[in-house]
């Protein structure tokens, strides 16, 4: 009986100590998630599209759905990662898009191409539970390329 009581006492004190580790998963020692760059890139693309819209309101109807899609992708990636977006701008403020609409669209198309390639690589490298979301993001970016032609 004394042995059982001693084991229970040790067990009860050990549980809170190990339980604290479960709650402290976002500590400074937690390595970055491999999807962090893709989440940041999605947010940067959304910002870049919004800058293009601000520079040329005639592109609003064409670019707003794409900007919204990138913002949604960034939010969903952050949810999957389990961390909020870093406070403050992760990327420098997007410069105002300049040039003709054709020049602006060409720049967006190049950024979208790079983003599509990055999403496809992340999808190929991801474990199964993440691949579906990453495949959807890669497919959306491919569709964005078509919309920018």
Protein backbone atom coordinates (compact mmCIF):
# COMPACT_ATOMS: atom_id res chain seq x y z
CA UNK A 1 0.00 0.00 0.00
CA UNK A 2 2.85 2.37 0.80
CA UNK A 3 4.49 1.49 -2.50
CA UNK A 4 1.28 2.27 -4.41
CA UNK A 5 0.92 5.59 -2.60
CA UNK A 6 4.51 6.53 -3.40
CA UNK A 7 4.05 5.65 -7.08
CA UNK A 8 0.86 7.70 -7.24
CA UNK A 9 2.57 10.67 -5.62
CA UNK A 10 5.44 10.52 -8.11
CA UNK A 11 3.03 10.06 -11.01
CA UNK A 12 0.86 13.00 -9.97
CA UNK A 13 3.86 15.33 -9.76
CA UNK A 14 5.28 14.08 -13.06
CA UNK A 15 2.07 14.62 -15.04
CA UNK A 16 1.99 18.42 -14.65
CA UNK A 17 5.65 18.66 -15.62
CA UNK A 18 5.15 16.74 -18.84
CA UNK A 19 1.84 18.47 -19.44
CA UNK A 20 3.60 21.84 -19.53
CA UNK A 21 5.66 20.63 -22.46
CA UNK A 22 2.47 19.94 -24.39
CA UNK A 23 1.27 23.50 -23.90
CA UNK A 24 4.61 25.12 -24.74
CA UNK A 25 4.78 24.00 -28.38
CA UNK A 26 5.25 27.49 -29.80
CA UNK A 27 8.34 28.26 -27.78
CA UNK A 28 11.38 29.92 -29.30
CA UNK A 29 13.07 26.53 -29.84
CA UNK A 30 10.37 25.31 -32.22
CA UNK A 31 11.90 25.04 -35.69
CA UNK A 32 10.22 26.92 -38.54
CA UNK A 33 7.65 24.99 -40.49
CA UNK A 34 8.67 24.17 -44.08
CA UNK A 35 5.50 25.93 -45.27
CA UNK A 36 6.43 29.28 -43.69
CA UNK A 37 8.04 30.58 -46.92
CA UNK A 38 5.01 29.58 -48.98
CA UNK A 39 2.66 31.33 -46.54
CA UNK A 40 4.79 34.47 -46.72
CA UNK A 41 4.94 34.26 -50.50
CA UNK A 42 1.14 33.97 -50.68
CA UNK A 43 0.72 37.08 -48.56
CA UNK A 44 3.33 38.95 -50.65
CA UNK A 45 1.54 37.99 -53.87
CA UNK A 46 -1.78 39.23 -52.46
CA UNK A 47 -0.08 42.52 -51.54
CA UNK A 48 1.50 42.80 -54.97
CA UNK A 49 -1.87 42.36 -56.69
CA UNK A 50 -3.43 44.97 -54.40
CA UNK A 51 -0.62 47.40 -55.28
CA UNK A 52 -1.30 46.80 -58.99
CA UNK A 53 -5.00 47.45 -58.44
CA UNK A 54 -4.21 50.68 -56.57
CA UNK A 55 -1.95 51.81 -59.42
CA UNK A 56 -4.48 50.98 -62.14
CA UNK A 57 -8.10 50.72 -60.93
CA UNK A 58 -9.05 49.49 -64.40
CA UNK A 59 -7.53 46.13 -63.40
CA UNK A 60 -9.76 45.78 -60.31
CA UNK A 61 -12.26 43.29 -61.75
CA UNK A 62 -9.52 41.14 -63.20
CA UNK A 63 -7.07 41.13 -60.28
CA UNK A 64 -9.21 41.30 -57.12
CA UNK A 65 -10.26 37.62 -57.23
CA UNK A 66 -6.62 36.59 -57.60
CA UNK A 67 -5.51 38.84 -54.72
CA UNK A 68 -8.32 37.42 -52.57
CA UNK A 69 -7.28 33.86 -53.45
CA UNK A 70 -3.67 34.52 -52.42
CA UNK A 71 -4.82 36.07 -49.13
CA UNK A 72 -7.03 33.02 -48.46
CA UNK A 73 -4.11 30.70 -49.24
CA UNK A 74 -1.88 32.60 -46.81
CA UNK A 75 -4.54 32.36 -44.09
CA UNK A 76 -5.10 28.64 -44.67
CA UNK A 77 -1.36 27.92 -44.68
CA UNK A 78 -1.01 29.81 -41.40
CA UNK A 79 -3.87 27.76 -39.95
CA UNK A 80 -2.20 24.53 -41.09
CA UNK A 81 1.15 25.61 -39.69
CA UNK A 82 -0.51 26.49 -36.40
CA UNK A 83 1.12 29.86 -36.02
CA UNK A 84 -0.14 33.36 -36.66
CA UNK A 85 1.55 35.47 -39.27
CA UNK A 86 4.64 37.22 -37.96
CA UNK A 87 3.88 40.64 -36.55
CA UNK A 88 4.88 43.49 -38.79
CA UNK A 89 5.51 43.24 -42.51
CA UNK A 90 7.23 39.96 -43.43
CA UNK A 91 8.20 41.45 -46.76
CA UNK A 92 8.93 45.02 -47.69
CA UNK A 93 5.93 47.05 -48.71
CA UNK A 94 5.14 46.28 -52.33
CA UNK A 95 6.21 49.10 -54.56
CA UNK A 96 3.49 50.70 -56.55
CA UNK A 97 3.10 49.00 -59.88
CA UNK A 98 4.30 51.25 -62.64
CA UNK A 99 4.16 51.07 -66.38
CA UNK A 100 1.49 50.12 -68.82
CA UNK A 101 -1.13 47.55 -67.86
CA UNK A 102 0.72 45.07 -70.10
CA UNK A 103 3.96 45.66 -68.18
CA UNK A 104 2.21 45.32 -64.81
CA UNK A 105 0.53 42.08 -65.93
CA UNK A 106 3.84 40.71 -67.23
CA UNK A 107 5.44 41.33 -63.82
CA UNK A 108 2.53 39.67 -62.05
CA UNK A 109 2.72 36.76 -64.46
CA UNK A 110 6.44 36.24 -63.69
CA UNK A 111 5.74 36.35 -59.94
CA UNK A 112 2.83 33.96 -60.37
CA UNK A 113 4.99 31.53 -62.41
CA UNK A 114 7.60 31.47 -59.66
CA UNK A 115 4.88 31.04 -57.05
CA UNK A 116 3.33 28.17 -58.97
CA UNK A 117 6.69 26.42 -59.20
CA UNK A 118 7.26 26.90 -55.47
CA UNK A 119 3.81 25.55 -54.60
CA UNK A 120 4.27 22.52 -56.88
CA UNK A 121 7.64 21.75 -55.26
CA UNK A 122 6.16 22.13 -51.77
CA UNK A 123 3.34 19.78 -52.77
CA UNK A 124 5.78 17.15 -54.05
CA UNK A 125 7.84 17.38 -50.85
CA UNK A 126 4.90 17.48 -48.41
CA UNK A 127 3.47 14.64 -46.36
CA UNK A 128 0.08 13.38 -47.52
CA UNK A 129 -2.00 15.37 -45.05
CA UNK A 130 -0.61 18.61 -46.50
CA UNK A 131 -0.39 17.64 -50.16
CA UNK A 132 -4.06 18.26 -50.97
CA UNK A 133 -3.93 21.90 -49.87
CA UNK A 134 -0.60 22.49 -51.59
CA UNK A 135 -1.83 20.85 -54.79
CA UNK A 136 -4.87 23.13 -54.73
CA UNK A 137 -2.65 26.18 -54.29
CA UNK A 138 -0.40 25.09 -57.17
CA UNK A 139 -3.47 24.52 -59.38
CA UNK A 140 -4.91 27.93 -58.44
CA UNK A 141 -1.64 29.60 -59.34
CA UNK A 142 -1.64 27.84 -62.70
CA UNK A 143 -5.15 29.18 -63.27
CA UNK A 144 -3.97 32.67 -62.29
CA UNK A 145 -1.33 32.44 -65.02
CA UNK A 146 -4.08 31.83 -67.57
CA UNK A 147 -6.11 34.75 -66.23
CA UNK A 148 -3.12 37.04 -66.67
CA UNK A 149 -2.65 36.30 -70.38
